[in-house]
Amino acid sequence: MKPPQYHGELVFFGTCVQLALEGRPNAFIEEAFKFGHEIGLPIHLGEIGLAHVSDEDLWRVFEKAVAQGETIHKMPIEVTAEALYNAIRTVDSLGERFSKDFPREAY
């Protein structure tokens, strides 16, 4: 079992998801991955211990994240559960591919 993640590792992964939410090009997100990957930060769900998370579990989290009064609504764009789902799946997919193209030792 993978040990719990440090706060900063989760923040980095969340930042990558935010880039996807903002509609940044995949090449821009991959530049962030390059930096994070080189210093051992997680770039896909498996690296934060969520390789087998179900869509249902993700939806439950996303619905709570976008509930009225949550801080996610301070973003300059409207964020929905669907947008969060699409962003995290995009980042996960890009991160998996990037990790295969540029393997590193597990940390």
PDB file of N, CA and C in Angstrom:
ATOM      1  N   MET A   1       0.843  -1.190   0.000  1.00  0.00           N
ATOM      2  CA  MET A   1       0.000   0.000   0.000  1.00  0.00           C
ATOM      3  C   MET A   1       0.878   1.239   0.000  1.00  0.00           C
ATOM      4  N   LYS A   2       0.510   2.197  -0.829  1.00  0.00           N
ATOM      5  CA  LYS A   2       1.263   3.442  -0.931  1.00  0.00           C
ATOM      6  C   LYS A   2       1.016   4.283   0.320  1.00  0.00           C
ATOM      7  N   PRO A   3       2.089   4.866   0.870  1.00  0.00           N
ATOM      8  CA  PRO A   3       1.897   5.719   2.054  1.00  0.00           C
ATOM      9  C   PRO A   3       1.098   6.964   1.708  1.00  0.00           C
ATOM     10  N   PRO A   4       0.520   7.606   2.707  1.00  0.00           N
ATOM     11  CA  PRO A   4      -0.242   8.838   2.456  1.00  0.00           C
ATOM     12  C   PRO A   4       0.634   9.888   1.779  1.00  0.00           C
ATOM     13  N   GLN A   5       0.004  10.749   1.029  1.00  0.00           N
ATOM     14  CA  GLN A   5       0.719  11.801   0.312  1.00  0.00           C
ATOM     15  C   GLN A   5       0.934  13.004   1.215  1.00  0.00           C
ATOM     16  N   TYR A   6       2.028  13.693   0.941  1.00  0.00           N
ATOM     17  CA  TYR A   6       2.269  14.958   1.602  1.00  0.00           C
ATOM     18  C   TYR A   6       1.316  16.004   1.017  1.00  0.00           C
ATOM     19  N   HIS A   7       1.014  17.003   1.798  1.00  0.00           N
ATOM     20  CA  HIS A   7       0.100  18.053   1.364  1.00  0.00           C
ATOM     21  C   HIS A   7       0.547  18.674   0.034  1.00  0.00           C
ATOM     22  N   GLY A   8       1.814  18.994  -0.078  1.00  0.00           N
ATOM     23  CA  GLY A   8       2.325  19.627  -1.286  1.00  0.00           C
ATOM     24  C   GLY A   8       2.184  18.752  -2.523  1.00  0.00           C
ATOM     25  N   GLU A   9       2.269  17.436  -2.354  1.00  0.00           N
ATOM     26  CA  GLU A   9       2.078  16.525  -3.485  1.00  0.00           C
ATOM     27  C   GLU A   9       0.641  16.607  -3.989  1.00  0.00           C
ATOM     28  N   LEU A  10      -0.290  16.644  -3.077  1.00  0.00           N
ATOM     29  CA  LEU A  10      -1.700  16.760  -3.463  1.00  0.00           C
ATOM     30  C   LEU A  10      -1.989  18.122  -4.070  1.00  0.00           C
ATOM     31  N   VAL A  11      -1.348  19.163  -3.543  1.00  0.00           N
ATOM     32  CA  VAL A  11      -1.522  20.507  -4.098  1.00  0.00           C
ATOM     33  C   VAL A  11      -1.030  20.530  -5.538  1.00  0.00           C
ATOM     34  N   PHE A  12       0.123  19.906  -5.801  1.00  0.00           N
ATOM     35  CA  PHE A  12       0.645  19.891  -7.173  1.00  0.00           C
ATOM     36  C   PHE A  12      -0.330  19.181  -8.108  1.00  0.00           C
ATOM     37  N   PHE A  13      -0.822  18.027  -7.698  1.00  0.00           N
ATOM     38  CA  PHE A  13      -1.771  17.305  -8.541  1.00  0.00           C
ATOM     39  C   PHE A  13      -3.023  18.166  -8.758  1.00  0.00           C
ATOM     40  N   GLY A  14      -3.507  18.796  -7.707  1.00  0.00           N
ATOM     41  CA  GLY A  14      -4.672  19.673  -7.817  1.00  0.00           C
ATOM     42  C   GLY A  14      -4.419  20.857  -8.736  1.00  0.00           C
ATOM     43  N   THR A  15      -3.207  21.368  -8.735  1.00  0.00           N
ATOM     44  CA  THR A  15      -2.855  22.459  -9.631  1.00  0.00           C
ATOM     45  C   THR A  15      -2.929  22.003 -11.084  1.00  0.00           C
ATOM     46  N   CYS A  16      -2.464  20.795 -11.344  1.00  0.00           N
ATOM     47  CA  CYS A  16      -2.566  20.246 -12.706  1.00  0.00           C
ATOM     48  C   CYS A  16      -4.033  20.114 -13.114  1.00  0.00           C
ATOM     49  N   VAL A  17      -4.882  19.684 -12.192  1.00  0.00           N
ATOM     50  CA  VAL A  17      -6.319  19.586 -12.478  1.00  0.00           C
ATOM     51  C   VAL A  17      -6.884  20.979 -12.745  1.00  0.00           C
ATOM     52  N   GLN A  18      -6.448  21.970 -11.977  1.00  0.00           N
ATOM     53  CA  GLN A  18      -6.923  23.341 -12.205  1.00  0.00           C
ATOM     54  C   GLN A  18      -6.525  23.823 -13.594  1.00  0.00           C
ATOM     55  N   LEU A  19      -5.330  23.491 -14.038  1.00  0.00           N
ATOM     56  CA  LEU A  19      -4.916  23.887 -15.386  1.00  0.00           C
ATOM     57  C   LEU A  19      -5.867  23.311 -16.431  1.00  0.00           C
ATOM     58  N   ALA A  20      -6.273  22.063 -16.237  1.00  0.00           N
ATOM     59  CA  ALA A  20      -7.234  21.449 -17.158  1.00  0.00           C
ATOM     60  C   ALA A  20      -8.597  22.136 -17.056  1.00  0.00           C
ATOM     61  N   LEU A  21      -9.021  22.454 -15.841  1.00  0.00           N
ATOM     62  CA  LEU A  21     -10.298  23.157 -15.649  1.00  0.00           C
ATOM     63  C   LEU A  21     -10.300  24.501 -16.372  1.00  0.00           C
ATOM     64  N   GLU A  22      -9.158  25.162 -16.358  1.00  0.00           N
ATOM     65  CA  GLU A  22      -9.042  26.468 -16.997  1.00  0.00           C
ATOM     66  C   GLU A  22      -8.974  26.361 -18.518  1.00  0.00           C
ATOM     67  N   GLY A  23      -8.904  25.128 -19.015  1.00  0.00           N
ATOM     68  CA  GLY A  23      -8.856  24.938 -20.463  1.00  0.00           C
ATOM     69  C   GLY A  23      -7.479  25.145 -21.067  1.00  0.00           C
ATOM     70  N   ARG A  24      -6.448  25.014 -20.240  1.00  0.00           N
ATOM     71  CA  ARG A  24      -5.088  25.159 -20.763  1.00  0.00           C
ATOM     72  C   ARG A  24      -4.802  24.034 -21.754  1.00  0.00           C
ATOM     73  N   PRO A  25      -3.994  24.308 -22.760  1.00  0.00           N
ATOM     74  CA  PRO A  25      -3.658  23.257 -23.728  1.00  0.00           C
ATOM     75  C   PRO A  25      -2.908  22.106 -23.057  1.00  0.00           C
ATOM     76  N   ASN A  26      -3.086  20.907 -23.591  1.00  0.00           N
ATOM     77  CA  ASN A  26      -2.412  19.732 -23.031  1.00  0.00           C
ATOM     78  C   ASN A  26      -0.903  19.939 -22.973  1.00  0.00           C
ATOM     79  N   ALA A  27      -0.330  20.605 -23.969  1.00  0.00           N
ATOM     80  CA  ALA A  27       1.117  20.850 -23.976  1.00  0.00           C
ATOM     81  C   ALA A  27       1.533  21.695 -22.767  1.00  0.00           C
ATOM     82  N   PHE A  28       0.683  22.627 -22.359  1.00  0.00           N
ATOM     83  CA  PHE A  28       0.958  23.463 -21.186  1.00  0.00           C
ATOM     84  C   PHE A  28       0.941  22.605 -19.921  1.00  0.00           C
ATOM     85  N   ILE A  29      -0.059  21.740 -19.814  1.00  0.00           N
ATOM     86  CA  ILE A  29      -0.164  20.845 -18.653  1.00  0.00           C
ATOM     87  C   ILE A  29       1.035  19.909 -18.609  1.00  0.00           C
ATOM     88  N   GLU A  30       1.452  19.415 -19.770  1.00  0.00           N
ATOM     89  CA  GLU A  30       2.599  18.508 -19.819  1.00  0.00           C
ATOM     90  C   GLU A  30       3.886  19.207 -19.396  1.00  0.00           C
ATOM     91  N   GLU A  31       3.993  20.513 -19.613  1.00  0.00           N
ATOM     92  CA  GLU A  31       5.150  21.261 -19.108  1.00  0.00           C
ATOM     93  C   GLU A  31       5.163  21.231 -17.580  1.00  0.00           C
ATOM     94  N   ALA A  32       3.994  21.365 -16.977  1.00  0.00           N
ATOM     95  CA  ALA A  32       3.914  21.256 -15.515  1.00  0.00           C
ATOM     96  C   ALA A  32       4.295  19.845 -15.081  1.00  0.00           C
ATOM     97  N   PHE A  33       3.795  18.843 -15.818  1.00  0.00           N
ATOM     98  CA  PHE A  33       4.154  17.452 -15.516  1.00  0.00           C
ATOM     99  C   PHE A  33       5.665  17.261 -15.548  1.00  0.00           C
ATOM    100  N   LYS A  34       6.308  17.819 -16.559  1.00  0.00           N
ATOM    101  CA  LYS A  34       7.755  17.648 -16.712  1.00  0.00           C
ATOM    102  C   LYS A  34       8.468  18.108 -15.449  1.00  0.00           C
ATOM    103  N   PHE A  35       8.105  19.290 -14.975  1.00  0.00           N
ATOM    104  CA  PHE A  35       8.700  19.800 -13.739  1.00  0.00           C
ATOM    105  C   PHE A  35       8.410  18.861 -12.570  1.00  0.00           C
ATOM    106  N   GLY A  36       7.128  18.559 -12.364  1.00  0.00           N
ATOM    107  CA  GLY A  36       6.744  17.721 -11.234  1.00  0.00           C
ATOM    108  C   GLY A  36       7.346  16.332 -11.302  1.00  0.00           C
ATOM    109  N   HIS A  37       7.349  15.761 -12.477  1.00  0.00           N
ATOM    110  CA  HIS A  37       7.876  14.412 -12.678  1.00  0.00           C
ATOM    111  C   HIS A  37       9.364  14.351 -12.339  1.00  0.00           C
ATOM    112  N   GLU A  38      10.097  15.382 -12.741  1.00  0.00           N
ATOM    113  CA  GLU A  38      11.542  15.416 -12.483  1.00  0.00           C
ATOM    114  C   GLU A  38      11.871  15.458 -11.004  1.00  0.00           C
ATOM    115  N   ILE A  39      10.998  16.047 -10.205  1.00  0.00           N
ATOM    116  CA  ILE A  39      11.287  16.143  -8.766  1.00  0.00           C
ATOM    117  C   ILE A  39      10.456  15.173  -7.928  1.00  0.00           C
ATOM    118  N   GLY A  40       9.729  14.277  -8.607  1.00  0.00           N
ATOM    119  CA  GLY A  40       9.031  13.215  -7.893  1.00  0.00           C
ATOM    120  C   GLY A  40       7.624  13.528  -7.432  1.00  0.00           C
ATOM    121  N   LEU A  41       6.978  14.527  -8.026  1.00  0.00           N
ATOM    122  CA  LEU A  41       5.595  14.839  -7.645  1.00  0.00           C
ATOM    123  C   LEU A  41       4.628  13.975  -8.449  1.00  0.00           C
ATOM    124  N   PRO A  42       3.456  13.686  -7.896  1.00  0.00           N
ATOM    125  CA  PRO A  42       2.489  12.824  -8.579  1.00  0.00           C
ATOM    126  C   PRO A  42       1.808  13.523  -9.750  1.00  0.00           C
ATOM    127  N   ILE A  43       1.655  12.767 -10.862  1.00  0.00           N
ATOM    128  CA  ILE A  43       1.018  13.354 -12.041  1.00  0.00           C
ATOM    129  C   ILE A  43      -0.147  12.512 -12.557  1.00  0.00           C
ATOM    130  N   HIS A  44      -0.527  11.483 -11.823  1.00  0.00           N
ATOM    131  CA  HIS A  44      -1.752  10.746 -12.168  1.00  0.00           C
ATOM    132  C   HIS A  44      -2.320  10.126 -10.905  1.00  0.00           C
ATOM    133  N   LEU A  45      -3.556   9.667 -10.992  1.00  0.00           N
ATOM    134  CA  LEU A  45      -4.268   9.175  -9.808  1.00  0.00           C
ATOM    135  C   LEU A  45      -3.539   8.036  -9.107  1.00  0.00           C
ATOM    136  N   GLY A  46      -2.912   7.168  -9.878  1.00  0.00           N
ATOM    137  CA  GLY A  46      -2.180   6.058  -9.272  1.00  0.00           C
ATOM    138  C   GLY A  46      -1.078   6.522  -8.346  1.00  0.00           C
ATOM    139  N   GLU A  47      -0.493   7.658  -8.660  1.00  0.00           N
ATOM    140  CA  GLU A  47       0.607   8.166  -7.836  1.00  0.00           C
ATOM    141  C   GLU A  47       0.125   8.864  -6.572  1.00  0.00           C
ATOM    142  N   ILE A  48      -1.167   9.060  -6.437  1.00  0.00           N
ATOM    143  CA  ILE A  48      -1.690   9.571  -5.164  1.00  0.00           C
ATOM    144  C   ILE A  48      -2.521   8.505  -4.461  1.00  0.00           C
ATOM    145  N   GLY A  49      -2.315   7.260  -4.876  1.00  0.00           N
ATOM    146  CA  GLY A  49      -2.983   6.144  -4.215  1.00  0.00           C
ATOM    147  C   GLY A  49      -4.410   5.900  -4.651  1.00  0.00           C
ATOM    148  N   LEU A  50      -4.810   6.460  -5.806  1.00  0.00           N
ATOM    149  CA  LEU A  50      -6.194   6.325  -6.261  1.00  0.00           C
ATOM    150  C   LEU A  50      -6.292   5.651  -7.633  1.00  0.00           C
ATOM    151  N   ALA A  51      -5.412   4.705  -7.880  1.00  0.00           N
ATOM    152  CA  ALA A  51      -5.390   4.036  -9.192  1.00  0.00           C
ATOM    153  C   ALA A  51      -6.717   3.363  -9.514  1.00  0.00           C
ATOM    154  N   HIS A  52      -7.402   2.885  -8.514  1.00  0.00           N
ATOM    155  CA  HIS A  52      -8.625   2.109  -8.755  1.00  0.00           C
ATOM    156  C   HIS A  52      -9.884   2.821  -8.256  1.00  0.00           C
ATOM    157  N   VAL A  53      -9.830   4.126  -8.142  1.00  0.00           N
ATOM    158  CA  VAL A  53     -11.000   4.873  -7.676  1.00  0.00           C
ATOM    159  C   VAL A  53     -12.118   4.746  -8.716  1.00  0.00           C
ATOM    160  N   SER A  54     -13.307   4.561  -8.229  1.00  0.00           N
ATOM    161  CA  SER A  54     -14.445   4.400  -9.140  1.00  0.00           C
ATOM    162  C   SER A  54     -14.993   5.762  -9.561  1.00  0.00           C
ATOM    163  N   ASP A  55     -15.663   5.768 -10.705  1.00  0.00           N
ATOM    164  CA  ASP A  55     -16.325   6.991 -11.151  1.00  0.00           C
ATOM    165  C   ASP A  55     -17.375   7.436 -10.143  1.00  0.00           C
ATOM    166  N   GLU A  56     -18.057   6.476  -9.539  1.00  0.00           N
ATOM    167  CA  GLU A  56     -19.082   6.810  -8.546  1.00  0.00           C
ATOM    168  C   GLU A  56     -18.477   7.542  -7.356  1.00  0.00           C
ATOM    169  N   ASP A  57     -17.315   7.064  -6.885  1.00  0.00           N
ATOM    170  CA  ASP A  57     -16.664   7.732  -5.759  1.00  0.00           C
ATOM    171  C   ASP A  57     -16.199   9.129  -6.151  1.00  0.00           C
ATOM    172  N   LEU A  58     -15.658   9.254  -7.360  1.00  0.00           N
ATOM    173  CA  LEU A  58     -15.244  10.582  -7.828  1.00  0.00           C
ATOM    174  C   LEU A  58     -16.430  11.525  -7.882  1.00  0.00           C
ATOM    175  N   TRP A  59     -17.560  11.063  -8.418  1.00  0.00           N
ATOM    176  CA  TRP A  59     -18.750  11.916  -8.521  1.00  0.00           C
ATOM    177  C   TRP A  59     -19.214  12.387  -7.150  1.00  0.00           C
ATOM    178  N   ARG A  60     -19.171  11.503  -6.155  1.00  0.00           N
ATOM    179  CA  ARG A  60     -19.588  11.909  -4.805  1.00  0.00           C
ATOM    180  C   ARG A  60     -18.700  13.042  -4.284  1.00  0.00           C
ATOM    181  N   VAL A  61     -17.413  12.928  -4.523  1.00  0.00           N
ATOM    182  CA  VAL A  61     -16.485  13.972  -4.081  1.00  0.00           C
ATOM    183  C   VAL A  61     -16.745  15.262  -4.842  1.00  0.00           C
ATOM    184  N   PHE A  62     -16.905  15.160  -6.155  1.00  0.00           N
ATOM    185  CA  PHE A  62     -17.086  16.355  -6.978  1.00  0.00           C
ATOM    186  C   PHE A  62     -18.387  17.071  -6.655  1.00  0.00           C
ATOM    187  N   GLU A  63     -19.440  16.325  -6.390  1.00  0.00           N
ATOM    188  CA  GLU A  63     -20.712  16.959  -6.034  1.00  0.00           C
ATOM    189  C   GLU A  63     -20.581  17.746  -4.735  1.00  0.00           C
ATOM    190  N   LYS A  64     -19.801  17.219  -3.792  1.00  0.00           N
ATOM    191  CA  LYS A  64     -19.582  17.961  -2.544  1.00  0.00           C
ATOM    192  C   LYS A  64     -18.686  19.175  -2.780  1.00  0.00           C
ATOM    193  N   ALA A  65     -17.713  19.015  -3.672  1.00  0.00           N
ATOM    194  CA  ALA A  65     -16.770  20.108  -3.940  1.00  0.00           C
ATOM    195  C   ALA A  65     -17.452  21.318  -4.573  1.00  0.00           C
ATOM    196  N   VAL A  66     -18.519  21.073  -5.326  1.00  0.00           N
ATOM    197  CA  VAL A  66     -19.189  22.194  -6.004  1.00  0.00           C
ATOM    198  C   VAL A  66     -20.479  22.624  -5.301  1.00  0.00           C
ATOM    199  N   ALA A  67     -20.697  22.126  -4.099  1.00  0.00           N
ATOM    200  CA  ALA A  67     -21.890  22.526  -3.342  1.00  0.00           C
ATOM    201  C   ALA A  67     -21.850  24.029  -3.075  1.00  0.00           C
ATOM    202  N   GLN A  68     -23.018  24.601  -2.929  1.00  0.00           N
ATOM    203  CA  GLN A  68     -23.135  26.027  -2.656  1.00  0.00           C
ATOM    204  C   GLN A  68     -22.290  26.387  -1.437  1.00  0.00           C
ATOM    205  N   GLY A  69     -21.539  27.469  -1.548  1.00  0.00           N
ATOM    206  CA  GLY A  69     -20.722  27.944  -0.428  1.00  0.00           C
ATOM    207  C   GLY A  69     -19.305  27.403  -0.408  1.00  0.00           C
ATOM    208  N   GLU A  70     -18.986  26.434  -1.254  1.00  0.00           N
ATOM    209  CA  GLU A  70     -17.629  25.883  -1.280  1.00  0.00           C
ATOM    210  C   GLU A  70     -16.681  26.870  -1.953  1.00  0.00           C
ATOM    211  N   THR A  71     -15.425  26.830  -1.547  1.00  0.00           N
ATOM    212  CA  THR A  71     -14.446  27.798  -2.044  1.00  0.00           C
ATOM    213  C   THR A  71     -14.126  27.634  -3.530  1.00  0.00           C
ATOM    214  N   ILE A  72     -14.478  26.522  -4.122  1.00  0.00           N
ATOM    215  CA  ILE A  72     -14.221  26.338  -5.546  1.00  0.00           C
ATOM    216  C   ILE A  72     -14.931  27.402  -6.376  1.00  0.00           C
ATOM    217  N   HIS A  73     -15.975  27.979  -5.817  1.00  0.00           N
ATOM    218  CA  HIS A  73     -16.726  29.012  -6.529  1.00  0.00           C
ATOM    219  C   HIS A  73     -16.015  30.364  -6.539  1.00  0.00           C
ATOM    220  N   LYS A  74     -14.844  30.438  -5.918  1.00  0.00           N
ATOM    221  CA  LYS A  74     -14.024  31.645  -5.991  1.00  0.00           C
ATOM    222  C   LYS A  74     -13.182  31.662  -7.259  1.00  0.00           C
ATOM    223  N   MET A  75     -13.190  30.560  -7.991  1.00  0.00           N
ATOM    224  CA  MET A  75     -12.459  30.516  -9.257  1.00  0.00           C
ATOM    225  C   MET A  75     -13.114  31.466 -10.246  1.00  0.00           C
ATOM    226  N   PRO A  76     -12.346  31.983 -11.179  1.00  0.00           N
ATOM    227  CA  PRO A  76     -12.905  32.945 -12.135  1.00  0.00           C
ATOM    228  C   PRO A  76     -13.770  32.302 -13.225  1.00  0.00           C
ATOM    229  N   ILE A  77     -13.966  31.005 -13.140  1.00  0.00           N
ATOM    230  CA  ILE A  77     -14.815  30.284 -14.089  1.00  0.00           C
ATOM    231  C   ILE A  77     -15.841  29.478 -13.309  1.00  0.00           C
ATOM    232  N   GLU A  78     -16.945  29.147 -13.957  1.00  0.00           N
ATOM    233  CA  GLU A  78     -17.926  28.292 -13.309  1.00  0.00           C
ATOM    234  C   GLU A  78     -17.396  26.859 -13.296  1.00  0.00           C
ATOM    235  N   VAL A  79     -17.430  26.232 -12.130  1.00  0.00           N
ATOM    236  CA  VAL A  79     -16.948  24.864 -11.996  1.00  0.00           C
ATOM    237  C   VAL A  79     -18.112  23.972 -11.591  1.00  0.00           C
ATOM    238  N   THR A  80     -18.350  22.967 -12.415  1.00  0.00           N
ATOM    239  CA  THR A  80     -19.400  21.984 -12.141  1.00  0.00           C
ATOM    240  C   THR A  80     -18.762  20.649 -11.821  1.00  0.00           C
ATOM    241  N   ALA A  81     -19.557  19.739 -11.287  1.00  0.00           N
ATOM    242  CA  ALA A  81     -19.060  18.385 -11.021  1.00  0.00           C
ATOM    243  C   ALA A  81     -18.583  17.741 -12.315  1.00  0.00           C
ATOM    244  N   GLU A  82     -19.309  17.972 -13.397  1.00  0.00           N
ATOM    245  CA  GLU A  82     -18.914  17.406 -14.691  1.00  0.00           C
ATOM    246  C   GLU A  82     -17.577  17.981 -15.158  1.00  0.00           C
ATOM    247  N   ALA A  83     -17.391  19.274 -14.975  1.00  0.00           N
ATOM    248  CA  ALA A  83     -16.124  19.897 -15.369  1.00  0.00           C
ATOM    249  C   ALA A  83     -14.966  19.334 -14.550  1.00  0.00           C
ATOM    250  N   LEU A  84     -15.194  19.142 -13.246  1.00  0.00           N
ATOM    251  CA  LEU A  84     -14.158  18.546 -12.397  1.00  0.00           C
ATOM    252  C   LEU A  84     -13.839  17.124 -12.834  1.00  0.00           C
ATOM    253  N   TYR A  85     -14.871  16.360 -13.108  1.00  0.00           N
ATOM    254  CA  TYR A  85     -14.671  14.986 -13.563  1.00  0.00           C
ATOM    255  C   TYR A  85     -13.838  14.956 -14.843  1.00  0.00           C
ATOM    256  N   ASN A  86     -14.216  15.777 -15.806  1.00  0.00           N
ATOM    257  CA  ASN A  86     -13.492  15.806 -17.075  1.00  0.00           C
ATOM    258  C   ASN A  86     -12.041  16.256 -16.875  1.00  0.00           C
ATOM    259  N   ALA A  87     -11.827  17.231 -16.012  1.00  0.00           N
ATOM    260  CA  ALA A  87     -10.472  17.734 -15.772  1.00  0.00           C
ATOM    261  C   ALA A  87      -9.598  16.678 -15.114  1.00  0.00           C
ATOM    262  N   ILE A  88     -10.130  15.999 -14.107  1.00  0.00           N
ATOM    263  CA  ILE A  88      -9.296  15.012 -13.414  1.00  0.00           C
ATOM    264  C   ILE A  88      -9.026  13.804 -14.309  1.00  0.00           C
ATOM    265  N   ARG A  89      -9.988  13.422 -15.125  1.00  0.00           N
ATOM    266  CA  ARG A  89      -9.761  12.306 -16.049  1.00  0.00           C
ATOM    267  C   ARG A  89      -8.762  12.700 -17.136  1.00  0.00           C
ATOM    268  N   THR A  90      -8.805  13.951 -17.586  1.00  0.00           N
ATOM    269  CA  THR A  90      -7.828  14.435 -18.561  1.00  0.00           C
ATOM    270  C   THR A  90      -6.429  14.395 -17.967  1.00  0.00           C
ATOM    271  N   VAL A  91      -6.276  14.929 -16.764  1.00  0.00           N
ATOM    272  CA  VAL A  91      -4.966  14.956 -16.110  1.00  0.00           C
ATOM    273  C   VAL A  91      -4.476  13.533 -15.852  1.00  0.00           C
ATOM    274  N   ASP A  92      -5.353  12.671 -15.383  1.00  0.00           N
ATOM    275  CA  ASP A  92      -4.963  11.289 -15.120  1.00  0.00           C
ATOM    276  C   ASP A  92      -4.470  10.609 -16.397  1.00  0.00           C
ATOM    277  N   SER A  93      -5.207  10.779 -17.472  1.00  0.00           N
ATOM    278  CA  SER A  93      -4.837  10.168 -18.749  1.00  0.00           C
ATOM    279  C   SER A  93      -3.510  10.724 -19.282  1.00  0.00           C
ATOM    280  N   LEU A  94      -3.385  12.041 -19.267  1.00  0.00           N
ATOM    281  CA  LEU A  94      -2.131  12.655 -19.719  1.00  0.00           C
ATOM    282  C   LEU A  94      -0.961  12.232 -18.837  1.00  0.00           C
ATOM    283  N   GLY A  95      -1.201  12.188 -17.532  1.00  0.00           N
ATOM    284  CA  GLY A  95      -0.152  11.799 -16.588  1.00  0.00           C
ATOM    285  C   GLY A  95       0.287  10.360 -16.777  1.00  0.00           C
ATOM    286  N   GLU A  96      -0.675   9.465 -17.005  1.00  0.00           N
ATOM    287  CA  GLU A  96      -0.337   8.053 -17.259  1.00  0.00           C
ATOM    288  C   GLU A  96       0.526   7.942 -18.510  1.00  0.00           C
ATOM    289  N   ARG A  97       0.104   8.631 -19.570  1.00  0.00           N
ATOM    290  CA  ARG A  97       0.860   8.570 -20.822  1.00  0.00           C
ATOM    291  C   ARG A  97       2.257   9.171 -20.644  1.00  0.00           C
ATOM    292  N   PHE A  98       2.335  10.296 -19.972  1.00  0.00           N
ATOM    293  CA  PHE A  98       3.616  10.952 -19.740  1.00  0.00           C
ATOM    294  C   PHE A  98       4.545  10.030 -18.948  1.00  0.00           C
ATOM    295  N   SER A  99       4.007   9.370 -17.927  1.00  0.00           N
ATOM    296  CA  SER A  99       4.800   8.463 -17.101  1.00  0.00           C
ATOM    297  C   SER A  99       5.329   7.281 -17.907  1.00  0.00           C
ATOM    298  N   LYS A 100       4.551   6.810 -18.871  1.00  0.00           N
ATOM    299  CA  LYS A 100       5.008   5.714 -19.728  1.00  0.00           C
ATOM    300  C   LYS A 100       6.088   6.189 -20.691  1.00  0.00           C
ATOM    301  N   ASP A 101       5.927   7.411 -21.203  1.00  0.00           N
ATOM    302  CA  ASP A 101       6.913   7.962 -22.132  1.00  0.00           C
ATOM    303  C   ASP A 101       8.222   8.326 -21.433  1.00  0.00           C
ATOM    304  N   PHE A 102       8.130   8.717 -20.160  1.00  0.00           N
ATOM    305  CA  PHE A 102       9.301   9.140 -19.389  1.00  0.00           C
ATOM    306  C   PHE A 102       9.305   8.422 -18.029  1.00  0.00           C
ATOM    307  N   PRO A 103       9.614   7.116 -18.039  1.00  0.00           N
ATOM    308  CA  PRO A 103       9.565   6.357 -16.785  1.00  0.00           C
ATOM    309  C   PRO A 103      10.580   6.871 -15.761  1.00  0.00           C
ATOM    310  N   ARG A 104      10.229   6.685 -14.513  1.00  0.00           N
ATOM    311  CA  ARG A 104      11.129   7.028 -13.412  1.00  0.00           C
ATOM    312  C   ARG A 104      10.957   5.959 -12.342  1.00  0.00           C
ATOM    313  N   GLU A 105      11.881   5.933 -11.425  1.00  0.00           N
ATOM    314  CA  GLU A 105      11.756   5.007 -10.307  1.00  0.00           C
ATOM    315  C   GLU A 105      10.621   5.462  -9.413  1.00  0.00           C
ATOM    316  N   ALA A 106       9.926   4.482  -8.875  1.00  0.00           N
ATOM    317  CA  ALA A 106       8.856   4.824  -7.933  1.00  0.00           C
ATOM    318  C   ALA A 106       9.461   5.544  -6.733  1.00  0.00           C
ATOM    319  N   TYR A 107       8.728   6.487  -6.210  1.00  0.00           N
ATOM    320  CA  TYR A 107       9.213   7.219  -5.048  1.00  0.00           C
ATOM    321  C   TYR A 107       8.454   6.812  -3.824  1.00  0.00           C
TER     322      TYR A 107
END
